[in-house]
PDB file of N, CA and C in Angstrom:
ATOM      1  N   UNK A   1       0.850  -1.189   0.000  1.00  0.00           N
ATOM      2  CA  UNK A   1       0.000   0.000   0.000  1.00  0.00           C
ATOM      3  C   UNK A   1       0.886   1.239   0.000  1.00  0.00           C
ATOM      4  N   UNK A   2       0.536   2.199  -0.814  1.00  0.00           N
ATOM      5  CA  UNK A   2       1.309   3.426  -0.961  1.00  0.00           C
ATOM      6  C   UNK A   2       1.015   4.363   0.211  1.00  0.00           C
ATOM      7  N   UNK A   3       2.053   4.958   0.794  1.00  0.00           N
ATOM      8  CA  UNK A   3       1.875   5.869   1.923  1.00  0.00           C
ATOM      9  C   UNK A   3       1.185   7.159   1.526  1.00  0.00           C
ATOM     10  N   UNK A   4       1.182   7.517   0.244  1.00  0.00           N
ATOM     11  CA  UNK A   4       0.545   8.743  -0.226  1.00  0.00           C
ATOM     12  C   UNK A   4      -0.951   8.577  -0.437  1.00  0.00           C
ATOM     13  N   UNK A   5      -1.421   7.341  -0.456  1.00  0.00           N
ATOM     14  CA  UNK A   5      -2.841   7.078  -0.657  1.00  0.00           C
ATOM     15  C   UNK A   5      -3.588   7.333   0.642  1.00  0.00           C
ATOM     16  N   UNK A   6      -4.606   8.206   0.621  1.00  0.00           N
ATOM     17  CA  UNK A   6      -5.344   8.482   1.861  1.00  0.00           C
ATOM     18  C   UNK A   6      -6.185   7.275   2.256  1.00  0.00           C
ATOM     19  N   UNK A   7      -6.300   7.064   3.553  1.00  0.00           N
ATOM     20  CA  UNK A   7      -7.110   5.956   4.042  1.00  0.00           C
ATOM     21  C   UNK A   7      -8.590   6.296   3.912  1.00  0.00           C
ATOM     22  N   UNK A   8      -9.410   5.297   4.156  1.00  0.00           N
ATOM     23  CA  UNK A   8     -10.862   5.477   4.039  1.00  0.00           C
ATOM     24  C   UNK A   8     -11.355   6.508   5.040  1.00  0.00           C
ATOM     25  N   UNK A   9     -10.839   6.469   6.267  1.00  0.00           N
ATOM     26  CA  UNK A   9     -11.295   7.441   7.272  1.00  0.00           C
ATOM     27  C   UNK A   9     -10.855   8.849   6.918  1.00  0.00           C
ATOM     28  N   UNK A  10      -9.658   8.992   6.320  1.00  0.00           N
ATOM     29  CA  UNK A  10      -9.195  10.319   5.901  1.00  0.00           C
ATOM     30  C   UNK A  10     -10.100  10.882   4.816  1.00  0.00           C
ATOM     31  N   UNK A  11     -10.478  10.025   3.870  1.00  0.00           N
ATOM     32  CA  UNK A  11     -11.363  10.490   2.791  1.00  0.00           C
ATOM     33  C   UNK A  11     -12.739  10.856   3.335  1.00  0.00           C
ATOM     34  N   UNK A  12     -13.260  10.059   4.280  1.00  0.00           N
ATOM     35  CA  UNK A  12     -14.572  10.373   4.862  1.00  0.00           C
ATOM     36  C   UNK A  12     -14.514  11.686   5.622  1.00  0.00           C
ATOM     37  N   UNK A  13     -13.428  11.884   6.362  1.00  0.00           N
ATOM     38  CA  UNK A  13     -13.286  13.121   7.119  1.00  0.00           C
ATOM     39  C   UNK A  13     -13.163  14.318   6.184  1.00  0.00           C
ATOM     40  N   UNK A  14     -12.416  14.163   5.089  1.00  0.00           N
ATOM     41  CA  UNK A  14     -12.256  15.236   4.117  1.00  0.00           C
ATOM     42  C   UNK A  14     -13.587  15.561   3.443  1.00  0.00           C
ATOM     43  N   UNK A  15     -14.364  14.531   3.112  1.00  0.00           N
ATOM     44  CA  UNK A  15     -15.672  14.767   2.505  1.00  0.00           C
ATOM     45  C   UNK A  15     -16.598  15.473   3.479  1.00  0.00           C
ATOM     46  N   UNK A  16     -16.503  15.103   4.762  1.00  0.00           N
ATOM     47  CA  UNK A  16     -17.342  15.737   5.767  1.00  0.00           C
ATOM     48  C   UNK A  16     -16.982  17.214   5.910  1.00  0.00           C
ATOM     49  N   UNK A  17     -15.687  17.537   5.913  1.00  0.00           N
ATOM     50  CA  UNK A  17     -15.258  18.922   6.078  1.00  0.00           C
ATOM     51  C   UNK A  17     -15.625  19.776   4.860  1.00  0.00           C
ATOM     52  N   UNK A  18     -15.714  19.152   3.683  1.00  0.00           N
ATOM     53  CA  UNK A  18     -16.065  19.880   2.472  1.00  0.00           C
ATOM     54  C   UNK A  18     -17.558  19.907   2.210  1.00  0.00           C
ATOM     55  N   UNK A  19     -18.336  19.260   3.054  1.00  0.00           N
ATOM     56  CA  UNK A  19     -19.768  19.179   2.800  1.00  0.00           C
ATOM     57  C   UNK A  19     -20.430  20.540   3.031  1.00  0.00           C
ATOM     58  N   UNK A  20     -21.536  20.780   2.340  1.00  0.00           N
ATOM     59  CA  UNK A  20     -22.248  22.054   2.535  1.00  0.00           C
ATOM     60  C   UNK A  20     -22.738  22.236   3.971  1.00  0.00           C
ATOM     61  N   UNK A  21     -23.057  21.144   4.635  1.00  0.00           N
ATOM     62  CA  UNK A  21     -23.534  21.254   6.016  1.00  0.00           C
ATOM     63  C   UNK A  21     -22.438  21.786   6.932  1.00  0.00           C
ATOM     64  N   UNK A  22     -21.210  21.300   6.769  1.00  0.00           N
ATOM     65  CA  UNK A  22     -20.125  21.780   7.622  1.00  0.00           C
ATOM     66  C   UNK A  22     -19.749  23.217   7.272  1.00  0.00           C
ATOM     67  N   UNK A  23     -19.852  23.583   5.996  1.00  0.00           N
ATOM     68  CA  UNK A  23     -19.580  24.964   5.606  1.00  0.00           C
ATOM     69  C   UNK A  23     -20.637  25.903   6.169  1.00  0.00           C
ATOM     70  N   UNK A  24     -21.895  25.473   6.160  1.00  0.00           N
ATOM     71  CA  UNK A  24     -22.966  26.278   6.759  1.00  0.00           C
ATOM     72  C   UNK A  24     -22.738  26.440   8.255  1.00  0.00           C
ATOM     73  N   UNK A  25     -22.297  25.352   8.894  1.00  0.00           N
ATOM     74  CA  UNK A  25     -22.052  25.396  10.325  1.00  0.00           C
ATOM     75  C   UNK A  25     -20.909  26.362  10.638  1.00  0.00           C
ATOM     76  N   UNK A  26     -19.868  26.350   9.829  1.00  0.00           N
ATOM     77  CA  UNK A  26     -18.739  27.255  10.049  1.00  0.00           C
ATOM     78  C   UNK A  26     -19.148  28.705   9.829  1.00  0.00           C
ATOM     79  N   UNK A  27     -19.920  28.967   8.796  1.00  0.00           N
ATOM     80  CA  UNK A  27     -20.345  30.349   8.549  1.00  0.00           C
ATOM     81  C   UNK A  27     -21.317  30.809   9.633  1.00  0.00           C
ATOM     82  N   UNK A  28     -22.137  29.894  10.128  1.00  0.00           N
ATOM     83  CA  UNK A  28     -23.041  30.240  11.222  1.00  0.00           C
ATOM     84  C   UNK A  28     -22.249  30.592  12.476  1.00  0.00           C
ATOM     85  N   UNK A  29     -21.202  29.821  12.757  1.00  0.00           N
ATOM     86  CA  UNK A  29     -20.370  30.096  13.929  1.00  0.00           C
ATOM     87  C   UNK A  29     -19.697  31.458  13.801  1.00  0.00           C
ATOM     88  N   UNK A  30     -19.223  31.785  12.608  1.00  0.00           N
ATOM     89  CA  UNK A  30     -18.590  33.092  12.410  1.00  0.00           C
ATOM     90  C   UNK A  30     -19.592  34.231  12.560  1.00  0.00           C
ATOM     91  N   UNK A  31     -20.807  34.022  12.071  1.00  0.00           N
ATOM     92  CA  UNK A  31     -21.846  35.053  12.223  1.00  0.00           C
ATOM     93  C   UNK A  31     -22.170  35.283  13.694  1.00  0.00           C
ATOM     94  N   UNK A  32     -22.296  34.191  14.461  1.00  0.00           N
ATOM     95  CA  UNK A  32     -22.576  34.335  15.891  1.00  0.00           C
ATOM     96  C   UNK A  32     -21.422  35.026  16.606  1.00  0.00           C
ATOM     97  N   UNK A  33     -20.184  34.688  16.227  1.00  0.00           N
ATOM     98  CA  UNK A  33     -19.030  35.336  16.831  1.00  0.00           C
ATOM     99  C   UNK A  33     -19.035  36.836  16.535  1.00  0.00           C
ATOM    100  N   UNK A  34     -19.347  37.196  15.304  1.00  0.00           N
ATOM    101  CA  UNK A  34     -19.429  38.610  14.943  1.00  0.00           C
ATOM    102  C   UNK A  34     -20.532  39.319  15.729  1.00  0.00           C
ATOM    103  N   UNK A  35     -21.676  38.665  15.870  1.00  0.00           N
ATOM    104  CA  UNK A  35     -22.779  39.256  16.622  1.00  0.00           C
ATOM    105  C   UNK A  35     -22.400  39.487  18.079  1.00  0.00           C
ATOM    106  N   UNK A  36     -21.839  38.458  18.717  1.00  0.00           N
ATOM    107  CA  UNK A  36     -21.466  38.607  20.123  1.00  0.00           C
ATOM    108  C   UNK A  36     -20.326  39.596  20.305  1.00  0.00           C
ATOM    109  N   UNK A  37     -19.395  39.657  19.369  1.00  0.00           N
ATOM    110  CA  UNK A  37     -18.308  40.632  19.453  1.00  0.00           C
ATOM    111  C   UNK A  37     -18.839  42.056  19.347  1.00  0.00           C
ATOM    112  N   UNK A  38     -19.769  42.258  18.433  1.00  0.00           N
ATOM    113  CA  UNK A  38     -20.386  43.577  18.294  1.00  0.00           C
ATOM    114  C   UNK A  38     -21.163  43.943  19.554  1.00  0.00           C
ATOM    115  N   UNK A  39     -21.896  42.979  20.083  1.00  0.00           N
ATOM    116  CA  UNK A  39     -22.649  43.227  21.315  1.00  0.00           C
ATOM    117  C   UNK A  39     -21.711  43.537  22.477  1.00  0.00           C
ATOM    118  N   UNK A  40     -20.587  42.824  22.539  1.00  0.00           N
ATOM    119  CA  UNK A  40     -19.633  43.035  23.625  1.00  0.00           C
ATOM    120  C   UNK A  40     -19.004  44.425  23.551  1.00  0.00           C
ATOM    121  N   UNK A  41     -18.906  44.963  22.359  1.00  0.00           N
ATOM    122  CA  UNK A  41     -18.318  46.291  22.210  1.00  0.00           C
ATOM    123  C   UNK A  41     -19.343  47.403  22.446  1.00  0.00           C
ATOM    124  N   UNK A  42     -20.565  47.237  21.952  1.00  0.00           N
ATOM    125  CA  UNK A  42     -21.525  48.344  21.979  1.00  0.00           C
ATOM    126  C   UNK A  42     -22.435  48.364  23.203  1.00  0.00           C
ATOM    127  N   UNK A  43     -22.954  47.221  23.619  1.00  0.00           N
ATOM    128  CA  UNK A  43     -23.961  47.204  24.684  1.00  0.00           C
ATOM    129  C   UNK A  43     -23.458  47.694  26.047  1.00  0.00           C
ATOM    130  N   UNK A  44     -22.226  47.371  26.461  1.00  0.00           N
ATOM    131  CA  UNK A  44     -21.776  47.948  27.740  1.00  0.00           C
ATOM    132  C   UNK A  44     -21.696  49.477  27.716  1.00  0.00           C
ATOM    133  N   UNK A  45     -21.268  50.048  26.594  1.00  0.00           N
ATOM    134  CA  UNK A  45     -21.266  51.513  26.482  1.00  0.00           C
ATOM    135  C   UNK A  45     -22.689  52.057  26.572  1.00  0.00           C
ATOM    136  N   UNK A  46     -23.616  51.408  25.875  1.00  0.00           N
ATOM    137  CA  UNK A  46     -25.013  51.841  25.917  1.00  0.00           C
ATOM    138  C   UNK A  46     -25.565  51.731  27.335  1.00  0.00           C
ATOM    139  N   UNK A  47     -25.248  50.645  28.028  1.00  0.00           N
ATOM    140  CA  UNK A  47     -25.725  50.470  29.404  1.00  0.00           C
ATOM    141  C   UNK A  47     -25.111  51.527  30.321  1.00  0.00           C
ATOM    142  N   UNK A  48     -23.821  51.799  30.159  1.00  0.00           N
ATOM    143  CA  UNK A  48     -23.154  52.780  31.005  1.00  0.00           C
ATOM    144  C   UNK A  48     -23.788  54.157  30.848  1.00  0.00           C
ATOM    145  N   UNK A  49     -23.901  54.624  29.597  1.00  0.00           N
ATOM    146  CA  UNK A  49     -24.396  55.985  29.385  1.00  0.00           C
ATOM    147  C   UNK A  49     -25.894  56.126  29.614  1.00  0.00           C
ATOM    148  N   UNK A  50     -26.653  55.092  29.327  1.00  0.00           N
ATOM    149  CA  UNK A  50     -28.093  55.184  29.603  1.00  0.00           C
ATOM    150  C   UNK A  50     -28.358  55.149  31.103  1.00  0.00           C
ATOM    151  N   UNK A  51     -27.606  54.356  31.846  1.00  0.00           N
ATOM    152  CA  UNK A  51     -27.752  54.342  33.308  1.00  0.00           C
ATOM    153  C   UNK A  51     -27.305  55.665  33.897  1.00  0.00           C
ATOM    154  N   UNK A  52     -26.222  56.193  33.388  1.00  0.00           N
ATOM    155  CA  UNK A  52     -25.724  57.498  33.850  1.00  0.00           C
ATOM    156  C   UNK A  52     -26.782  58.589  33.619  1.00  0.00           C
ATOM    157  N   UNK A  53     -27.384  58.564  32.414  1.00  0.00           N
ATOM    158  CA  UNK A  53     -28.416  59.545  32.092  1.00  0.00           C
ATOM    159  C   UNK A  53     -29.634  59.390  33.014  1.00  0.00           C
ATOM    160  N   UNK A  54     -30.068  58.130  33.203  1.00  0.00           N
ATOM    161  CA  UNK A  54     -31.249  57.882  34.037  1.00  0.00           C
ATOM    162  C   UNK A  54     -31.000  58.297  35.488  1.00  0.00           C
ATOM    163  N   UNK A  55     -29.830  57.963  36.005  1.00  0.00           N
ATOM    164  CA  UNK A  55     -29.528  58.336  37.391  1.00  0.00           C
ATOM    165  C   UNK A  55     -29.420  59.849  37.564  1.00  0.00           C
ATOM    166  N   UNK A  56     -28.902  60.527  36.564  1.00  0.00           N
ATOM    167  CA  UNK A  56     -28.747  61.975  36.668  1.00  0.00           C
ATOM    168  C   UNK A  56     -30.079  62.705  36.501  1.00  0.00           C
ATOM    169  N   UNK A  57     -30.830  62.368  35.455  1.00  0.00           N
ATOM    170  CA  UNK A  57     -32.015  63.151  35.110  1.00  0.00           C
ATOM    171  C   UNK A  57     -33.294  62.702  35.810  1.00  0.00           C
ATOM    172  N   UNK A  58     -33.404  61.443  36.125  1.00  0.00           N
ATOM    173  CA  UNK A  58     -34.649  60.970  36.734  1.00  0.00           C
ATOM    174  C   UNK A  58     -34.539  60.807  38.241  1.00  0.00           C
ATOM    175  N   UNK A  59     -33.397  60.323  38.727  1.00  0.00           N
ATOM    176  CA  UNK A  59     -33.235  60.101  40.169  1.00  0.00           C
ATOM    177  C   UNK A  59     -32.379  61.176  40.837  1.00  0.00           C
ATOM    178  N   UNK A  60     -31.825  62.087  40.044  1.00  0.00           N
ATOM    179  CA  UNK A  60     -31.021  63.211  40.539  1.00  0.00           C
ATOM    180  C   UNK A  60     -29.868  62.744  41.430  1.00  0.00           C
ATOM    181  N   UNK A  61     -29.155  61.707  40.939  1.00  0.00           N
ATOM    182  CA  UNK A  61     -27.981  61.188  41.646  1.00  0.00           C
ATOM    183  C   UNK A  61     -26.751  61.609  40.845  1.00  0.00           C
ATOM    184  N   UNK A  62     -25.835  62.316  41.509  1.00  0.00           N
ATOM    185  CA  UNK A  62     -24.609  62.782  40.852  1.00  0.00           C
ATOM    186  C   UNK A  62     -23.384  62.248  41.587  1.00  0.00           C
ATOM    187  N   UNK A  63     -22.222  62.435  40.973  1.00  0.00           N
ATOM    188  CA  UNK A  63     -20.955  62.102  41.625  1.00  0.00           C
ATOM    189  C   UNK A  63     -20.635  60.620  41.581  1.00  0.00           C
ATOM    190  N   UNK A  64     -19.987  60.186  42.669  1.00  0.00           N
ATOM    191  CA  UNK A  64     -19.523  58.809  42.731  1.00  0.00           C
ATOM    192  C   UNK A  64     -20.647  57.773  42.646  1.00  0.00           C
ATOM    193  N   UNK A  65     -21.766  57.949  43.329  1.00  0.00           N
ATOM    194  CA  UNK A  65     -22.836  56.948  43.204  1.00  0.00           C
ATOM    195  C   UNK A  65     -23.337  56.795  41.763  1.00  0.00           C
ATOM    196  N   UNK A  66     -23.373  57.887  41.018  1.00  0.00           N
ATOM    197  CA  UNK A  66     -23.781  57.838  39.618  1.00  0.00           C
ATOM    198  C   UNK A  66     -22.788  57.017  38.807  1.00  0.00           C
ATOM    199  N   UNK A  67     -21.504  57.296  38.977  1.00  0.00           N
ATOM    200  CA  UNK A  67     -20.463  56.573  38.253  1.00  0.00           C
ATOM    201  C   UNK A  67     -20.445  55.103  38.649  1.00  0.00           C
ATOM    202  N   UNK A  68     -20.575  54.830  39.921  1.00  0.00           N
ATOM    203  CA  UNK A  68     -20.553  53.452  40.411  1.00  0.00           C
ATOM    204  C   UNK A  68     -21.744  52.659  39.858  1.00  0.00           C
ATOM    205  N   UNK A  69     -22.915  53.240  39.869  1.00  0.00           N
ATOM    206  CA  UNK A  69     -24.097  52.572  39.321  1.00  0.00           C
ATOM    207  C   UNK A  69     -23.976  52.324  37.825  1.00  0.00           C
ATOM    208  N   UNK A  70     -23.405  53.270  37.119  1.00  0.00           N
ATOM    209  CA  UNK A  70     -23.221  53.117  35.675  1.00  0.00           C
ATOM    210  C   UNK A  70     -22.223  52.003  35.363  1.00  0.00           C
ATOM    211  N   UNK A  71     -21.144  51.933  36.122  1.00  0.00           N
ATOM    212  CA  UNK A  71     -20.145  50.883  35.918  1.00  0.00           C
ATOM    213  C   UNK A  71     -20.733  49.516  36.249  1.00  0.00           C
ATOM    214  N   UNK A  72     -21.496  49.429  37.300  1.00  0.00           N
ATOM    215  CA  UNK A  72     -22.133  48.153  37.667  1.00  0.00           C
ATOM    216  C   UNK A  72     -23.072  47.693  36.543  1.00  0.00           C
ATOM    217  N   UNK A  73     -23.819  48.601  35.968  1.00  0.00           N
ATOM    218  CA  UNK A  73     -24.711  48.235  34.861  1.00  0.00           C
ATOM    219  C   UNK A  73     -23.918  47.719  33.663  1.00  0.00           C
ATOM    220  N   UNK A  74     -22.803  48.372  33.338  1.00  0.00           N
ATOM    221  CA  UNK A  74     -21.980  47.937  32.209  1.00  0.00           C
ATOM    222  C   UNK A  74     -21.364  46.563  32.479  1.00  0.00           C
ATOM    223  N   UNK A  75     -20.903  46.334  33.690  1.00  0.00           N
ATOM    224  CA  UNK A  75     -20.301  45.039  34.045  1.00  0.00           C
ATOM    225  C   UNK A  75     -21.355  43.936  33.988  1.00  0.00           C
ATOM    226  N   UNK A  76     -22.557  44.219  34.448  1.00  0.00           N
ATOM    227  CA  UNK A  76     -23.628  43.225  34.373  1.00  0.00           C
ATOM    228  C   UNK A  76     -23.955  42.867  32.921  1.00  0.00           C
ATOM    229  N   UNK A  77     -23.960  43.850  32.056  1.00  0.00           N
ATOM    230  CA  UNK A  77     -24.226  43.591  30.639  1.00  0.00           C
ATOM    231  C   UNK A  77     -23.114  42.730  30.030  1.00  0.00           C
ATOM    232  N   UNK A  78     -21.863  43.009  30.367  1.00  0.00           N
ATOM    233  CA  UNK A  78     -20.745  42.199  29.866  1.00  0.00           C
ATOM    234  C   UNK A  78     -20.892  40.757  30.328  1.00  0.00           C
ATOM    235  N   UNK A  79     -21.199  40.566  31.606  1.00  0.00           N
ATOM    236  CA  UNK A  79     -21.360  39.206  32.126  1.00  0.00           C
ATOM    237  C   UNK A  79     -22.541  38.487  31.491  1.00  0.00           C
ATOM    238  N   UNK A  80     -23.605  39.198  31.200  1.00  0.00           N
ATOM    239  CA  UNK A  80     -24.755  38.595  30.526  1.00  0.00           C
ATOM    240  C   UNK A  80     -24.392  38.152  29.112  1.00  0.00           C
ATOM    241  N   UNK A  81     -23.641  38.963  28.403  1.00  0.00           N
ATOM    242  CA  UNK A  81     -23.216  38.602  27.044  1.00  0.00           C
ATOM    243  C   UNK A  81     -22.311  37.373  27.072  1.00  0.00           C
ATOM    244  N   UNK A  82     -21.384  37.323  28.038  1.00  0.00           N
ATOM    245  CA  UNK A  82     -20.508  36.156  28.158  1.00  0.00           C
ATOM    246  C   UNK A  82     -21.318  34.909  28.481  1.00  0.00           C
ATOM    247  N   UNK A  83     -22.289  35.027  29.353  1.00  0.00           N
ATOM    248  CA  UNK A  83     -23.150  33.895  29.691  1.00  0.00           C
ATOM    249  C   UNK A  83     -23.914  33.400  28.468  1.00  0.00           C
ATOM    250  N   UNK A  84     -24.486  34.318  27.708  1.00  0.00           N
ATOM    251  CA  UNK A  84     -25.230  33.933  26.506  1.00  0.00           C
ATOM    252  C   UNK A  84     -24.321  33.282  25.469  1.00  0.00           C
ATOM    253  N   UNK A  85     -23.095  33.777  25.333  1.00  0.00           N
ATOM    254  CA  UNK A  85     -22.134  33.197  24.396  1.00  0.00           C
ATOM    255  C   UNK A  85     -21.761  31.773  24.818  1.00  0.00           C
ATOM    256  N   UNK A  86     -21.538  31.577  26.108  1.00  0.00           N
ATOM    257  CA  UNK A  86     -21.197  30.244  26.611  1.00  0.00           C
ATOM    258  C   UNK A  86     -22.361  29.279  26.438  1.00  0.00           C
ATOM    259  N   UNK A  87     -23.568  29.729  26.703  1.00  0.00           N
ATOM    260  CA  UNK A  87     -24.744  28.873  26.510  1.00  0.00           C
ATOM    261  C   UNK A  87     -24.925  28.503  25.045  1.00  0.00           C
ATOM    262  N   UNK A  88     -24.678  29.443  24.154  1.00  0.00           N
ATOM    263  CA  UNK A  88     -24.765  29.161  22.718  1.00  0.00           C
ATOM    264  C   UNK A  88     -23.732  28.115  22.304  1.00  0.00           C
ATOM    265  N   UNK A  89     -22.513  28.239  22.810  1.00  0.00           N
ATOM    266  CA  UNK A  89     -21.472  27.260  22.526  1.00  0.00           C
ATOM    267  C   UNK A  89     -21.812  25.893  23.082  1.00  0.00           C
ATOM    268  N   UNK A  90     -22.387  25.853  24.270  1.00  0.00           N
ATOM    269  CA  UNK A  90     -22.788  24.583  24.878  1.00  0.00           C
ATOM    270  C   UNK A  90     -23.866  23.909  24.043  1.00  0.00           C
ATOM    271  N   UNK A  91     -24.846  24.666  23.602  1.00  0.00           N
ATOM    272  CA  UNK A  91     -25.923  24.090  22.783  1.00  0.00           C
ATOM    273  C   UNK A  91     -25.388  23.597  21.441  1.00  0.00           C
ATOM    274  N   UNK A  92     -24.471  24.338  20.829  1.00  0.00           N
ATOM    275  CA  UNK A  92     -23.875  23.896  19.564  1.00  0.00           C
ATOM    276  C   UNK A  92     -23.076  22.617  19.750  1.00  0.00           C
ATOM    277  N   UNK A  93     -22.325  22.532  20.850  1.00  0.00           N
ATOM    278  CA  UNK A  93     -21.539  21.330  21.118  1.00  0.00           C
ATOM    279  C   UNK A  93     -22.446  20.132  21.376  1.00  0.00           C
ATOM    280  N   UNK A  94     -23.535  20.363  22.075  1.00  0.00           N
ATOM    281  CA  UNK A  94     -24.486  19.277  22.339  1.00  0.00           C
ATOM    282  C   UNK A  94     -25.135  18.816  21.041  1.00  0.00           C
ATOM    283  N   UNK A  95     -25.430  19.758  20.153  1.00  0.00           N
ATOM    284  CA  UNK A  95     -26.008  19.420  18.847  1.00  0.00           C
ATOM    285  C   UNK A  95     -25.004  18.650  17.995  1.00  0.00           C
ATOM    286  N   UNK A  96     -23.725  19.035  18.048  1.00  0.00           N
ATOM    287  CA  UNK A  96     -22.680  18.320  17.312  1.00  0.00           C
ATOM    288  C   UNK A  96     -22.514  16.895  17.824  1.00  0.00           C
ATOM    289  N   UNK A  97     -22.638  16.697  19.135  1.00  0.00           N
ATOM    290  CA  UNK A  97     -22.519  15.357  19.697  1.00  0.00           C
ATOM    291  C   UNK A  97     -23.669  14.463  19.246  1.00  0.00           C
ATOM    292  N   UNK A  98     -24.834  15.052  19.045  1.00  0.00           N
ATOM    293  CA  UNK A  98     -26.001  14.277  18.615  1.00  0.00           C
ATOM    294  C   UNK A  98     -25.990  13.980  17.127  1.00  0.00           C
ATOM    295  N   UNK A  99     -25.197  14.712  16.355  1.00  0.00           N
ATOM    296  CA  UNK A  99     -25.169  14.556  14.895  1.00  0.00           C
ATOM    297  C   UNK A  99     -23.740  14.272  14.462  1.00  0.00           C
ATOM    298  N   UNK A 100     -23.471  13.011  14.130  1.00  0.00           N
ATOM    299  CA  UNK A 100     -22.124  12.607  13.730  1.00  0.00           C
ATOM    300  C   UNK A 100     -22.041  12.525  12.219  1.00  0.00           C
ATOM    301  N   UNK A 101     -20.835  12.508  11.636  1.00  0.00           N
ATOM    302  CA  UNK A 101     -20.683  12.423  10.180  1.00  0.00           C
ATOM    303  C   UNK A 101     -21.298  11.157   9.589  1.00  0.00           C
ATOM    304  N   UNK A 102     -21.273  10.033  10.312  1.00  0.00           N
ATOM    305  CA  UNK A 102     -21.846   8.798   9.782  1.00  0.00           C
ATOM    306  C   UNK A 102     -23.357   8.920   9.631  1.00  0.00           C
ATOM    307  N   UNK A 103     -24.006   9.671  10.534  1.00  0.00           N
ATOM    308  CA  UNK A 103     -25.448   9.880  10.406  1.00  0.00           C
ATOM    309  C   UNK A 103     -25.758  10.702   9.170  1.00  0.00           C
ATOM    310  N   UNK A 104     -24.876  11.656   8.834  1.00  0.00           N
ATOM    311  CA  UNK A 104     -25.089  12.485   7.656  1.00  0.00           C
ATOM    312  C   UNK A 104     -25.046  11.638   6.396  1.00  0.00           C
ATOM    313  N   UNK A 105     -24.099  10.688   6.310  1.00  0.00           N
ATOM    314  CA  UNK A 105     -24.002   9.806   5.149  1.00  0.00           C
ATOM    315  C   UNK A 105     -25.243   8.937   5.028  1.00  0.00           C
ATOM    316  N   UNK A 106     -25.736   8.463   6.163  1.00  0.00           N
ATOM    317  CA  UNK A 106     -26.926   7.611   6.137  1.00  0.00           C
ATOM    318  C   UNK A 106     -28.147   8.387   5.691  1.00  0.00           C
ATOM    319  N   UNK A 107     -28.237   9.656   6.063  1.00  0.00           N
ATOM    320  CA  UNK A 107     -29.412  10.438   5.710  1.00  0.00           C
ATOM    321  C   UNK A 107     -29.395  10.886   4.254  1.00  0.00           C
ATOM    322  N   UNK A 108     -28.210  10.841   3.589  1.00  0.00           N
ATOM    323  CA  UNK A 108     -28.126  11.211   2.186  1.00  0.00           C
ATOM    324  C   UNK A 108     -28.742  10.155   1.279  1.00  0.00           C
ATOM    325  N   UNK A 109     -28.955   8.955   1.799  1.00  0.00           N
ATOM    326  CA  UNK A 109     -29.527   7.900   0.993  1.00  0.00           C
ATOM    327  C   UNK A 109     -28.481   7.092   0.260  1.00  0.00           C
ATOM    328  N   UNK A 110     -27.203   7.419   0.421  1.00  0.00           N
ATOM    329  CA  UNK A 110     -26.137   6.674  -0.241  1.00  0.00           C
ATOM    330  C   UNK A 110     -25.944   5.327   0.435  1.00  0.00           C
ATOM    331  N   UNK A 111     -25.901   5.335   1.735  1.00  0.00           N
ATOM    332  CA  UNK A 111     -25.737   4.117   2.508  1.00  0.00           C
ATOM    333  C   UNK A 111     -26.981   3.899   3.343  1.00  0.00           C
ATOM    334  N   UNK A 112     -27.555   2.740   3.218  1.00  0.00           N
ATOM    335  CA  UNK A 112     -28.712   2.446   4.040  1.00  0.00           C
ATOM    336  C   UNK A 112     -28.231   1.901   5.362  1.00  0.00           C
ATOM    337  N   UNK A 113     -28.848   2.338   6.455  1.00  0.00           N
ATOM    338  CA  UNK A 113     -28.416   1.841   7.767  1.00  0.00           C
ATOM    339  C   UNK A 113     -28.744   0.360   7.898  1.00  0.00           C
ATOM    340  N   UNK A 114     -27.850  -0.357   8.569  1.00  0.00           N
ATOM    341  CA  UNK A 114     -28.068  -1.780   8.784  1.00  0.00           C
ATOM    342  C   UNK A 114     -29.002  -1.956   9.969  1.00  0.00           C
ATOM    343  N   UNK A 115     -29.934  -2.855   9.811  1.00  0.00           N
ATOM    344  CA  UNK A 115     -30.877  -3.119  10.896  1.00  0.00           C
ATOM    345  C   UNK A 115     -30.341  -4.252  11.741  1.00  0.00           C
ATOM    346  N   UNK A 116     -30.332  -4.031  13.035  1.00  0.00           N
ATOM    347  CA  UNK A 116     -29.915  -5.069  13.957  1.00  0.00           C
ATOM    348  C   UNK A 116     -31.122  -5.579  14.698  1.00  0.00           C
ATOM    349  N   UNK A 117     -31.088  -6.870  14.970  1.00  0.00           N
ATOM    350  CA  UNK A 117     -32.222  -7.453  15.682  1.00  0.00           C
ATOM    351  C   UNK A 117     -31.775  -8.120  16.935  1.00  0.00           C
TER     352      UNK A 117
END
């Protein structure tokens, strides 16, 4: 056997990585990363300044308590975004564990699953 010839598992893995389903999954992951990155950059600023505005104009709180409350709001928003990102990753990993490459081949109709009794 020639060492340059790919094995059956290598070819199956290569076909799986080139499949439209894996490409969709990769582009979906990049879109989610972009969304969470944008949220991580913009939402804490929005929380900080909106809390600062609300504390100043509606509750008439100035000085250190205003700054402290605004920072706490921004930190809470950052932690919420991190939590949501981790939960999204956990759900994706759980979905990947439930869907293996061999199941994809069976669902294409190329290989019929063997029935065991």
